Amino acid sequence: MTSAIVPLPSAGLVRRESRVASRALARLEAETQLKLAEIEQAAEIQAGKADAIFSVGRRVMHGVALTSQVEQQLGALVPFAATKLQDLSNIISLVAAEVVLDTPRRLPR
């Protein structure tokens, strides 16, 4: 078995390799921070879209409830109009449901 003597690298070469490694690590850290910021931004946008949909949904549910209440009250006052009032209330509810369904499509991508 022969043993060969391996010369140690000069101090200048070690320092240069250390600087290169440090720069590479700094670049990786910067890229990681940028990717995390992009992920957080995407999450905020999605949460904002969900909030918009929930807001529209709450308003529509409130409006449908009020419409139903008015329909019942007017139907009690004018029984002959009850069927027509119910039809109108159903139409209003369906159109309002379409608004809720259309909301995600109207939000920016």
C-alpha atoms as a PDB file:
ATOM      1  CA  MET A   1       0.000   0.000   0.000  1.00  0.00           C
ATOM      2  CA  THR A   2       1.456   3.285  -1.062  1.00  0.00           C
ATOM      3  CA  SER A   3       0.636   6.473   0.604  1.00  0.00           C
ATOM      4  CA  ALA A   4       0.840   9.619  -1.404  1.00  0.00           C
ATOM      5  CA  ILE A   5       1.351  12.946   0.131  1.00  0.00           C
ATOM      6  CA  VAL A   6      -1.441  15.322  -0.839  1.00  0.00           C
ATOM      7  CA  PRO A   7      -0.526  18.980  -0.671  1.00  0.00           C
ATOM      8  CA  LEU A   8      -2.860  21.270   1.259  1.00  0.00           C
ATOM      9  CA  PRO A   9      -4.576  23.963  -0.776  1.00  0.00           C
ATOM     10  CA  SER A  10      -3.219  27.438  -0.369  1.00  0.00           C
ATOM     11  CA  ALA A  11      -4.994  29.818   2.019  1.00  0.00           C
ATOM     12  CA  GLY A  12      -6.085  32.037  -0.905  1.00  0.00           C
ATOM     13  CA  LEU A  13      -7.868  29.144  -2.598  1.00  0.00           C
ATOM     14  CA  VAL A  14      -9.691  28.214   0.611  1.00  0.00           C
ATOM     15  CA  ARG A  15     -10.846  31.824   1.087  1.00  0.00           C
ATOM     16  CA  ARG A  16     -12.058  32.016  -2.519  1.00  0.00           C
ATOM     17  CA  GLU A  17     -14.040  28.780  -2.188  1.00  0.00           C
ATOM     18  CA  SER A  18     -15.485  30.052   1.076  1.00  0.00           C
ATOM     19  CA  ARG A  19     -16.656  33.302  -0.610  1.00  0.00           C
ATOM     20  CA  VAL A  20     -18.209  31.338  -3.483  1.00  0.00           C
ATOM     21  CA  ALA A  21     -20.007  29.061  -1.032  1.00  0.00           C
ATOM     22  CA  SER A  22     -21.195  32.037   1.017  1.00  0.00           C
ATOM     23  CA  ARG A  23     -22.596  33.751  -2.091  1.00  0.00           C
ATOM     24  CA  ALA A  24     -24.346  30.541  -3.167  1.00  0.00           C
ATOM     25  CA  LEU A  25     -25.931  30.186   0.281  1.00  0.00           C
ATOM     26  CA  ALA A  26     -27.032  33.834   0.255  1.00  0.00           C
ATOM     27  CA  ARG A  27     -28.646  33.337  -3.177  1.00  0.00           C
ATOM     28  CA  LEU A  28     -30.486  30.245  -1.938  1.00  0.00           C
ATOM     29  CA  GLU A  29     -31.748  32.145   1.105  1.00  0.00           C
ATOM     30  CA  ALA A  30     -32.959  35.034  -1.074  1.00  0.00           C
ATOM     31  CA  GLU A  31     -34.721  32.647  -3.476  1.00  0.00           C
ATOM     32  CA  THR A  32     -36.376  30.866  -0.550  1.00  0.00           C
ATOM     33  CA  GLN A  33     -37.616  34.156   0.910  1.00  0.00           C
ATOM     34  CA  LEU A  34     -38.979  35.224  -2.480  1.00  0.00           C
ATOM     35  CA  LYS A  35     -40.819  31.932  -2.998  1.00  0.00           C
ATOM     36  CA  LEU A  36     -42.320  32.133   0.494  1.00  0.00           C
ATOM     37  CA  ALA A  37     -43.472  35.698  -0.158  1.00  0.00           C
ATOM     38  CA  GLU A  38     -45.128  34.582  -3.408  1.00  0.00           C
ATOM     39  CA  ILE A  39     -46.918  31.754  -1.582  1.00  0.00           C
ATOM     40  CA  GLU A  40     -48.119  34.109   1.152  1.00  0.00           C
ATOM     41  CA  GLN A  41     -49.341  36.594  -1.461  1.00  0.00           C
ATOM     42  CA  ALA A  42     -51.269  33.875  -3.302  1.00  0.00           C
ATOM     43  CA  ALA A  43     -52.839  32.742  -0.018  1.00  0.00           C
ATOM     44  CA  GLU A  44     -53.920  36.317   0.791  1.00  0.00           C
ATOM     45  CA  ILE A  45     -55.501  36.690  -2.640  1.00  0.00           C
ATOM     46  CA  GLN A  46     -57.417  33.415  -2.270  1.00  0.00           C
ATOM     47  CA  ALA A  47     -58.592  34.411   1.221  1.00  0.00           C
ATOM     48  CA  GLY A  48     -59.775  37.768  -0.152  1.00  0.00           C
ATOM     49  CA  LYS A  49     -61.741  36.002  -2.880  1.00  0.00           C
ATOM     50  CA  ALA A  50     -63.347  33.692  -0.322  1.00  0.00           C
ATOM     51  CA  ASP A  51     -64.271  36.708   1.825  1.00  0.00           C
ATOM     52  CA  ALA A  52     -65.908  38.352  -1.192  1.00  0.00           C
ATOM     53  CA  ILE A  53     -67.947  35.232  -1.959  1.00  0.00           C
ATOM     54  CA  PHE A  54     -69.049  34.894   1.685  1.00  0.00           C
ATOM     55  CA  SER A  55     -70.030  38.564   1.778  1.00  0.00           C
ATOM     56  CA  VAL A  56     -72.177  38.234  -1.337  1.00  0.00           C
ATOM     57  CA  GLY A  57     -73.684  35.007   0.012  1.00  0.00           C
ATOM     58  CA  ARG A  58     -74.616  36.616   3.336  1.00  0.00           C
ATOM     59  CA  ARG A  59     -76.246  39.573   1.595  1.00  0.00           C
ATOM     60  CA  VAL A  60     -78.212  37.300  -0.711  1.00  0.00           C
ATOM     61  CA  MET A  61     -79.387  35.075   2.164  1.00  0.00           C
ATOM     62  CA  HIS A  62     -80.468  38.162   4.085  1.00  0.00           C
ATOM     63  CA  GLY A  63     -82.311  39.497   1.046  1.00  0.00           C
ATOM     64  CA  VAL A  64     -84.007  36.154   0.378  1.00  0.00           C
ATOM     65  CA  ALA A  65     -85.112  35.946   4.012  1.00  0.00           C
ATOM     66  CA  LEU A  66     -86.591  39.447   3.873  1.00  0.00           C
ATOM     67  CA  THR A  67     -88.283  38.660   0.553  1.00  0.00           C
ATOM     68  CA  SER A  68     -89.847  35.524   2.055  1.00  0.00           C
ATOM     69  CA  GLN A  69     -91.016  37.466   5.075  1.00  0.00           C
ATOM     70  CA  VAL A  70     -92.635  40.163   2.915  1.00  0.00           C
ATOM     71  CA  GLU A  71     -94.203  37.458   0.731  1.00  0.00           C
ATOM     72  CA  GLN A  72     -95.798  35.826   3.798  1.00  0.00           C
ATOM     73  CA  GLN A  73     -97.037  39.123   5.208  1.00  0.00           C
ATOM     74  CA  LEU A  74     -98.567  40.276   1.927  1.00  0.00           C
ATOM     75  CA  GLY A  75    -100.029  36.813   1.312  1.00  0.00           C
ATOM     76  CA  ALA A  76    -101.769  37.013   4.682  1.00  0.00           C
ATOM     77  CA  LEU A  77    -103.191  40.438   3.792  1.00  0.00           C
ATOM     78  CA  VAL A  78    -104.299  39.449   0.275  1.00  0.00           C
ATOM     79  CA  PRO A  79    -104.856  35.675   0.166  1.00  0.00           C
ATOM     80  CA  PHE A  80    -105.843  35.757  -3.525  1.00  0.00           C
ATOM     81  CA  ALA A  81    -102.343  37.042  -4.384  1.00  0.00           C
ATOM     82  CA  ALA A  82    -100.490  34.421  -2.324  1.00  0.00           C
ATOM     83  CA  THR A  83     -99.655  32.162  -5.280  1.00  0.00           C
ATOM     84  CA  LYS A  84     -98.351  35.052  -7.388  1.00  0.00           C
ATOM     85  CA  LEU A  85     -96.367  36.409  -4.463  1.00  0.00           C
ATOM     86  CA  GLN A  86     -94.827  32.982  -3.925  1.00  0.00           C
ATOM     87  CA  ASP A  87     -93.911  32.770  -7.619  1.00  0.00           C
ATOM     88  CA  LEU A  88     -92.277  36.191  -7.499  1.00  0.00           C
ATOM     89  CA  SER A  89     -90.410  35.277  -4.318  1.00  0.00           C
ATOM     90  CA  ASN A  90     -89.121  32.099  -5.989  1.00  0.00           C
ATOM     91  CA  ILE A  91     -87.964  34.031  -9.055  1.00  0.00           C
ATOM     92  CA  ILE A  92     -86.170  36.574  -6.876  1.00  0.00           C
ATOM     93  CA  SER A  93     -84.479  33.765  -4.936  1.00  0.00           C
ATOM     94  CA  LEU A  94     -83.339  32.028  -8.132  1.00  0.00           C
ATOM     95  CA  VAL A  95     -81.916  35.230  -9.612  1.00  0.00           C
ATOM     96  CA  ALA A  96     -80.141  35.957  -6.329  1.00  0.00           C
ATOM     97  CA  ALA A  97     -78.678  32.431  -6.355  1.00  0.00           C
ATOM     98  CA  GLU A  98     -77.353  33.116  -9.854  1.00  0.00           C
ATOM     99  CA  VAL A  99     -75.584  36.196  -8.502  1.00  0.00           C
ATOM    100  CA  VAL A 100     -73.849  34.064  -5.861  1.00  0.00           C
ATOM    101  CA  LEU A 101     -72.866  31.474  -8.474  1.00  0.00           C
ATOM    102  CA  ASP A 102     -71.539  34.180 -10.790  1.00  0.00           C
ATOM    103  CA  THR A 103     -69.446  35.888  -8.112  1.00  0.00           C
ATOM    104  CA  PRO A 104     -66.293  33.697  -8.423  1.00  0.00           C
ATOM    105  CA  ARG A 105     -66.235  34.213 -12.195  1.00  0.00           C
ATOM    106  CA  ARG A 106     -66.355  37.979 -11.784  1.00  0.00           C
ATOM    107  CA  LEU A 107     -63.419  38.095  -9.404  1.00  0.00           C
ATOM    108  CA  PRO A 108     -60.004  38.839 -10.917  1.00  0.00           C
ATOM    109  CA  ARG A 109     -57.805  35.782 -11.451  1.00  0.00           C
END
